[in-house]
Amino acid sequence: MGAPVVRFEIMGGKAHQLENFYKNLFGWKIDSNNPMKYGMVDTGSQTGINGGVGTSQDGIRCISIYIEVEDLDATLAEAEKLGGKTILPPSQVPGGPRLAMFADPAGNVAGLLLAKRVSQ
């Protein structure tokens, strides 16, 4: 079974700089009315994926993708075995998903989201 890209994230800038830029450029609906002031992006499209924009805690600018997987720990272990590095161990976002982040051997950072399980 494949692991789909399910989300993007664009981080950097100051205050609502990126939020305003992407709203005006693409007409995205961005809601940052939350405790983290993180802009949740609704692209308004029937295709593609939604994501988020926000300021970076450490000043680093980046664009990341998030890949949905069944097991965060096992995927991070496999990434490290293949030459990657864990950047963020499995963590729970308050009121949101469980996620992790890794760097590939070239230093590109990607995120992992725990797959939502459907009750049987």
N, C-alpha and C. Protein backbone atom coordinates (compact mmCIF):
# COMPACT_ATOMS: atom_id res chain seq x y z
N MET A 1 0.84 -1.18 0.00
CA MET A 1 0.00 0.00 0.00
C MET A 1 0.88 1.24 0.00
N GLY A 2 0.52 2.22 -0.81
CA GLY A 2 1.29 3.45 -0.90
C GLY A 2 1.05 4.36 0.28
N ALA A 3 1.86 5.40 0.37
CA ALA A 3 1.74 6.40 1.44
C ALA A 3 1.48 7.74 0.77
N PRO A 4 0.24 8.23 0.80
CA PRO A 4 -0.10 9.45 0.07
C PRO A 4 0.40 10.73 0.75
N VAL A 5 0.71 11.73 -0.07
CA VAL A 5 0.98 13.07 0.43
C VAL A 5 -0.38 13.68 0.73
N VAL A 6 -0.60 14.09 1.99
CA VAL A 6 -1.93 14.53 2.40
C VAL A 6 -1.99 15.98 2.86
N ARG A 7 -0.85 16.65 2.96
CA ARG A 7 -0.86 18.02 3.47
C ARG A 7 0.44 18.72 3.08
N PHE A 8 0.39 20.04 2.99
CA PHE A 8 1.60 20.84 2.80
C PHE A 8 1.68 21.88 3.90
N GLU A 9 2.88 22.42 4.09
CA GLU A 9 3.07 23.47 5.08
C GLU A 9 4.12 24.45 4.54
N ILE A 10 3.83 25.74 4.64
CA ILE A 10 4.76 26.78 4.22
C ILE A 10 5.03 27.65 5.44
N MET A 11 6.28 27.68 5.89
CA MET A 11 6.63 28.39 7.12
C MET A 11 7.69 29.45 6.86
N GLY A 12 7.60 30.53 7.61
CA GLY A 12 8.58 31.62 7.52
C GLY A 12 7.87 32.96 7.61
N GLY A 13 8.59 34.02 7.30
CA GLY A 13 8.00 35.35 7.31
C GLY A 13 7.70 35.85 8.71
N LYS A 14 7.04 36.99 8.78
CA LYS A 14 6.69 37.61 10.05
C LYS A 14 5.19 37.76 10.14
N ALA A 15 4.66 37.58 11.33
CA ALA A 15 3.22 37.74 11.61
C ALA A 15 2.39 37.06 10.53
N HIS A 16 1.53 37.78 9.86
CA HIS A 16 0.62 37.21 8.85
C HIS A 16 1.12 37.44 7.42
N GLN A 17 2.42 37.67 7.26
CA GLN A 17 2.99 37.97 5.95
C GLN A 17 2.68 36.88 4.92
N LEU A 18 2.95 35.62 5.22
CA LEU A 18 2.70 34.55 4.25
C LEU A 18 1.21 34.30 4.08
N GLU A 19 0.46 34.41 5.16
CA GLU A 19 -0.98 34.24 5.09
C GLU A 19 -1.58 35.22 4.09
N ASN A 20 -1.22 36.50 4.22
CA ASN A 20 -1.74 37.52 3.31
C ASN A 20 -1.26 37.29 1.88
N PHE A 21 -0.01 36.91 1.71
CA PHE A 21 0.55 36.67 0.38
C PHE A 21 -0.23 35.58 -0.36
N TYR A 22 -0.40 34.42 0.27
CA TYR A 22 -1.06 33.30 -0.40
C TYR A 22 -2.57 33.52 -0.55
N LYS A 23 -3.19 34.23 0.38
CA LYS A 23 -4.61 34.59 0.22
C LYS A 23 -4.80 35.42 -1.05
N ASN A 24 -3.95 36.43 -1.18
CA ASN A 24 -4.08 37.35 -2.31
C ASN A 24 -3.63 36.73 -3.63
N LEU A 25 -2.61 35.92 -3.61
CA LEU A 25 -2.09 35.32 -4.84
C LEU A 25 -3.02 34.25 -5.40
N PHE A 26 -3.52 33.35 -4.55
CA PHE A 26 -4.29 32.20 -5.01
C PHE A 26 -5.75 32.19 -4.58
N GLY A 27 -6.16 33.15 -3.74
CA GLY A 27 -7.54 33.16 -3.26
C GLY A 27 -7.83 32.10 -2.22
N TRP A 28 -6.78 31.60 -1.55
CA TRP A 28 -6.96 30.58 -0.52
C TRP A 28 -7.68 31.18 0.67
N LYS A 29 -8.52 30.38 1.32
CA LYS A 29 -9.13 30.76 2.59
C LYS A 29 -8.18 30.27 3.68
N ILE A 30 -7.75 31.20 4.54
CA ILE A 30 -6.79 30.84 5.58
C ILE A 30 -7.33 31.30 6.93
N ASP A 31 -7.47 30.36 7.84
CA ASP A 31 -8.01 30.64 9.17
C ASP A 31 -6.93 30.44 10.22
N SER A 32 -6.49 31.54 10.84
CA SER A 32 -5.48 31.43 11.90
C SER A 32 -6.07 31.78 13.27
N ASN A 33 -7.38 31.64 13.38
CA ASN A 33 -8.06 31.91 14.65
C ASN A 33 -7.98 30.66 15.53
N ASN A 34 -6.78 30.42 16.07
CA ASN A 34 -6.53 29.29 16.96
C ASN A 34 -5.41 29.68 17.92
N PRO A 35 -5.24 28.94 19.01
CA PRO A 35 -4.23 29.32 20.01
C PRO A 35 -2.81 29.44 19.47
N MET A 36 -2.48 28.67 18.44
CA MET A 36 -1.12 28.71 17.89
C MET A 36 -0.98 29.77 16.79
N LYS A 37 -2.09 30.43 16.40
CA LYS A 37 -2.09 31.43 15.32
C LYS A 37 -1.54 30.83 14.02
N TYR A 38 -1.79 29.55 13.82
CA TYR A 38 -1.34 28.80 12.64
C TYR A 38 -2.42 28.89 11.57
N GLY A 39 -2.06 29.27 10.38
CA GLY A 39 -3.03 29.45 9.30
C GLY A 39 -3.41 28.13 8.63
N MET A 40 -4.63 27.68 8.90
CA MET A 40 -5.15 26.47 8.27
C MET A 40 -5.66 26.85 6.88
N VAL A 41 -5.10 26.23 5.84
CA VAL A 41 -5.40 26.60 4.45
C VAL A 41 -6.45 25.69 3.84
N ASP A 42 -7.48 26.32 3.29
CA ASP A 42 -8.46 25.65 2.44
C ASP A 42 -8.26 26.24 1.06
N THR A 43 -7.72 25.45 0.14
CA THR A 43 -7.42 25.97 -1.19
C THR A 43 -8.68 26.22 -2.01
N GLY A 44 -9.81 25.67 -1.57
CA GLY A 44 -11.06 25.88 -2.30
C GLY A 44 -11.15 25.09 -3.58
N SER A 45 -10.27 24.11 -3.74
CA SER A 45 -10.23 23.32 -4.98
C SER A 45 -10.82 21.93 -4.75
N GLN A 46 -11.37 21.37 -5.81
CA GLN A 46 -11.88 19.99 -5.75
C GLN A 46 -10.75 18.98 -5.91
N THR A 47 -9.58 19.44 -6.32
CA THR A 47 -8.41 18.57 -6.48
C THR A 47 -7.29 19.09 -5.59
N GLY A 48 -6.27 18.32 -5.42
CA GLY A 48 -5.14 18.74 -4.61
C GLY A 48 -5.37 18.54 -3.13
N ILE A 49 -4.52 19.13 -2.32
CA ILE A 49 -4.57 18.97 -0.87
C ILE A 49 -4.59 20.34 -0.21
N ASN A 50 -5.06 20.39 1.02
CA ASN A 50 -5.01 21.60 1.82
C ASN A 50 -3.76 21.58 2.68
N GLY A 51 -3.52 22.65 3.41
CA GLY A 51 -2.31 22.70 4.21
C GLY A 51 -2.34 23.79 5.24
N GLY A 52 -1.17 24.38 5.48
CA GLY A 52 -1.05 25.42 6.47
C GLY A 52 0.07 26.38 6.16
N VAL A 53 -0.03 27.60 6.69
CA VAL A 53 1.02 28.60 6.59
C VAL A 53 1.21 29.23 7.96
N GLY A 54 2.43 29.68 8.23
CA GLY A 54 2.66 30.33 9.50
C GLY A 54 4.08 30.81 9.65
N THR A 55 4.30 31.49 10.76
CA THR A 55 5.65 31.94 11.08
C THR A 55 6.43 30.75 11.64
N SER A 56 7.72 30.82 11.52
CA SER A 56 8.59 29.75 12.01
C SER A 56 9.08 30.09 13.40
N GLN A 57 9.06 29.11 14.31
CA GLN A 57 9.54 29.33 15.68
C GLN A 57 11.03 29.65 15.71
N ASP A 58 11.80 29.04 14.82
CA ASP A 58 13.25 29.21 14.82
C ASP A 58 13.77 30.09 13.69
N GLY A 59 12.87 30.74 12.95
CA GLY A 59 13.27 31.63 11.87
C GLY A 59 13.62 30.93 10.57
N ILE A 60 13.53 29.63 10.54
CA ILE A 60 13.86 28.87 9.33
C ILE A 60 12.67 28.91 8.38
N ARG A 61 12.95 29.17 7.11
CA ARG A 61 11.92 29.16 6.07
C ARG A 61 11.92 27.78 5.41
N CYS A 62 10.74 27.21 5.22
CA CYS A 62 10.69 25.91 4.57
C CYS A 62 9.30 25.63 4.01
N ILE A 63 9.27 24.75 3.05
CA ILE A 63 8.03 24.19 2.53
C ILE A 63 8.13 22.70 2.75
N SER A 64 7.15 22.14 3.44
CA SER A 64 7.18 20.72 3.76
C SER A 64 5.94 20.03 3.22
N ILE A 65 6.09 18.75 2.97
CA ILE A 65 4.94 17.91 2.65
C ILE A 65 4.74 16.96 3.82
N TYR A 66 3.52 16.49 3.97
CA TYR A 66 3.21 15.51 5.01
C TYR A 66 2.67 14.25 4.35
N ILE A 67 3.22 13.13 4.75
CA ILE A 67 2.88 11.83 4.18
C ILE A 67 2.14 11.03 5.24
N GLU A 68 1.04 10.43 4.86
CA GLU A 68 0.23 9.65 5.79
C GLU A 68 0.79 8.23 5.88
N VAL A 69 1.06 7.78 7.13
CA VAL A 69 1.60 6.44 7.36
C VAL A 69 0.84 5.76 8.49
N GLU A 70 0.94 4.45 8.56
CA GLU A 70 0.25 3.66 9.58
C GLU A 70 0.98 3.67 10.93
N ASP A 71 2.32 3.86 10.92
CA ASP A 71 3.10 3.76 12.16
C ASP A 71 4.23 4.78 12.11
N LEU A 72 4.13 5.82 12.92
CA LEU A 72 5.15 6.88 12.93
C LEU A 72 6.51 6.36 13.36
N ASP A 73 6.55 5.60 14.46
CA ASP A 73 7.84 5.10 14.97
C ASP A 73 8.53 4.19 13.97
N ALA A 74 7.80 3.27 13.37
CA ALA A 74 8.39 2.33 12.41
C ALA A 74 8.89 3.07 11.17
N THR A 75 8.15 4.09 10.73
CA THR A 75 8.56 4.84 9.55
C THR A 75 9.82 5.65 9.84
N LEU A 76 9.89 6.27 11.03
CA LEU A 76 11.10 7.01 11.40
C LEU A 76 12.30 6.07 11.51
N ALA A 77 12.11 4.90 12.07
CA ALA A 77 13.19 3.92 12.19
C ALA A 77 13.69 3.52 10.81
N GLU A 78 12.77 3.30 9.88
CA GLU A 78 13.16 2.92 8.51
C GLU A 78 13.88 4.08 7.83
N ALA A 79 13.41 5.31 8.03
CA ALA A 79 14.07 6.49 7.45
C ALA A 79 15.51 6.59 7.94
N GLU A 80 15.72 6.37 9.24
CA GLU A 80 17.07 6.43 9.80
C GLU A 80 17.94 5.30 9.25
N LYS A 81 17.38 4.13 9.10
CA LYS A 81 18.09 2.98 8.54
C LYS A 81 18.56 3.29 7.11
N LEU A 82 17.77 4.09 6.39
CA LEU A 82 18.09 4.43 5.00
C LEU A 82 18.94 5.70 4.88
N GLY A 83 19.38 6.25 6.00
CA GLY A 83 20.27 7.42 5.97
C GLY A 83 19.61 8.73 6.33
N GLY A 84 18.34 8.71 6.74
CA GLY A 84 17.66 9.92 7.16
C GLY A 84 17.89 10.20 8.63
N LYS A 85 17.24 11.25 9.13
CA LYS A 85 17.41 11.65 10.53
C LYS A 85 16.06 12.14 11.07
N THR A 86 15.71 11.70 12.26
CA THR A 86 14.49 12.18 12.91
C THR A 86 14.69 13.63 13.33
N ILE A 87 13.77 14.48 12.93
CA ILE A 87 13.81 15.91 13.29
C ILE A 87 12.85 16.18 14.45
N LEU A 88 11.67 15.57 14.39
CA LEU A 88 10.66 15.70 15.44
C LEU A 88 10.10 14.32 15.72
N PRO A 89 10.30 13.78 16.93
CA PRO A 89 9.73 12.47 17.23
C PRO A 89 8.20 12.54 17.26
N PRO A 90 7.52 11.41 17.26
CA PRO A 90 6.06 11.43 17.28
C PRO A 90 5.52 12.35 18.37
N SER A 91 4.65 13.26 17.96
CA SER A 91 4.11 14.28 18.86
C SER A 91 2.63 14.48 18.57
N GLN A 92 1.91 14.85 19.60
CA GLN A 92 0.47 15.13 19.45
C GLN A 92 0.28 16.64 19.35
N VAL A 93 -0.34 17.11 18.28
CA VAL A 93 -0.70 18.52 18.16
C VAL A 93 -1.98 18.72 18.97
N PRO A 94 -1.99 19.68 19.90
CA PRO A 94 -3.21 19.90 20.69
C PRO A 94 -4.43 20.13 19.79
N GLY A 95 -5.42 19.29 19.95
CA GLY A 95 -6.63 19.39 19.13
C GLY A 95 -6.44 18.98 17.68
N GLY A 96 -5.30 18.40 17.37
CA GLY A 96 -5.00 18.04 15.98
C GLY A 96 -4.44 16.64 15.86
N PRO A 97 -3.68 16.42 14.81
CA PRO A 97 -3.19 15.07 14.52
C PRO A 97 -1.93 14.72 15.29
N ARG A 98 -1.58 13.46 15.24
CA ARG A 98 -0.30 12.97 15.74
C ARG A 98 0.65 13.01 14.55
N LEU A 99 1.85 13.58 14.73
CA LEU A 99 2.77 13.75 13.61
C LEU A 99 4.21 13.58 14.04
N ALA A 100 5.11 13.52 13.05
CA ALA A 100 6.55 13.45 13.26
C ALA A 100 7.20 14.09 12.04
N MET A 101 8.50 14.38 12.12
CA MET A 101 9.21 14.93 10.97
C MET A 101 10.58 14.28 10.87
N PHE A 102 11.06 14.18 9.64
CA PHE A 102 12.38 13.61 9.39
C PHE A 102 13.08 14.38 8.29
N ALA A 103 14.40 14.24 8.22
CA ALA A 103 15.18 14.78 7.10
C ALA A 103 15.66 13.60 6.29
N ASP A 104 15.61 13.74 4.97
CA ASP A 104 16.13 12.67 4.10
C ASP A 104 17.65 12.82 4.02
N PRO A 105 18.37 11.91 3.33
CA PRO A 105 19.83 11.99 3.29
C PRO A 105 20.37 13.30 2.70
N ALA A 106 19.57 14.01 1.90
CA ALA A 106 20.02 15.28 1.33
C ALA A 106 19.67 16.47 2.23
N GLY A 107 18.96 16.21 3.34
CA GLY A 107 18.60 17.28 4.26
C GLY A 107 17.22 17.87 4.07
N ASN A 108 16.47 17.36 3.08
CA ASN A 108 15.10 17.83 2.88
C ASN A 108 14.23 17.33 4.03
N VAL A 109 13.39 18.21 4.58
CA VAL A 109 12.54 17.84 5.70
C VAL A 109 11.14 17.51 5.21
N ALA A 110 10.60 16.41 5.70
CA ALA A 110 9.22 16.01 5.39
C ALA A 110 8.53 15.61 6.68
N GLY A 111 7.22 15.69 6.66
CA GLY A 111 6.43 15.33 7.84
C GLY A 111 5.70 14.02 7.62
N LEU A 112 5.34 13.41 8.72
CA LEU A 112 4.54 12.18 8.72
C LEU A 112 3.29 12.44 9.54
N LEU A 113 2.15 12.04 9.03
CA LEU A 113 0.89 12.11 9.77
C LEU A 113 0.40 10.70 9.99
N LEU A 114 -0.06 10.43 11.20
CA LEU A 114 -0.61 9.12 11.50
C LEU A 114 -1.91 8.93 10.75
N ALA A 115 -2.04 7.81 10.05
CA ALA A 115 -3.25 7.52 9.28
C ALA A 115 -4.44 7.44 10.20
N LYS A 116 -5.54 7.98 9.74
CA LYS A 116 -6.79 7.88 10.50
C LYS A 116 -7.34 6.49 10.29
N ARG A 117 -7.63 5.82 11.38
CA ARG A 117 -8.14 4.46 11.30
C ARG A 117 -9.66 4.48 11.25
N VAL A 118 -10.22 3.69 10.38
CA VAL A 118 -11.66 3.58 10.25
C VAL A 118 -12.12 2.39 11.08
N SER A 119 -13.12 2.60 11.94
CA SER A 119 -13.65 1.50 12.75
C SER A 119 -14.28 0.44 11.87
N GLN A 120 -14.08 -0.81 12.26
CA GLN A 120 -14.63 -1.89 11.45
C GLN A 120 -15.86 -2.47 12.10
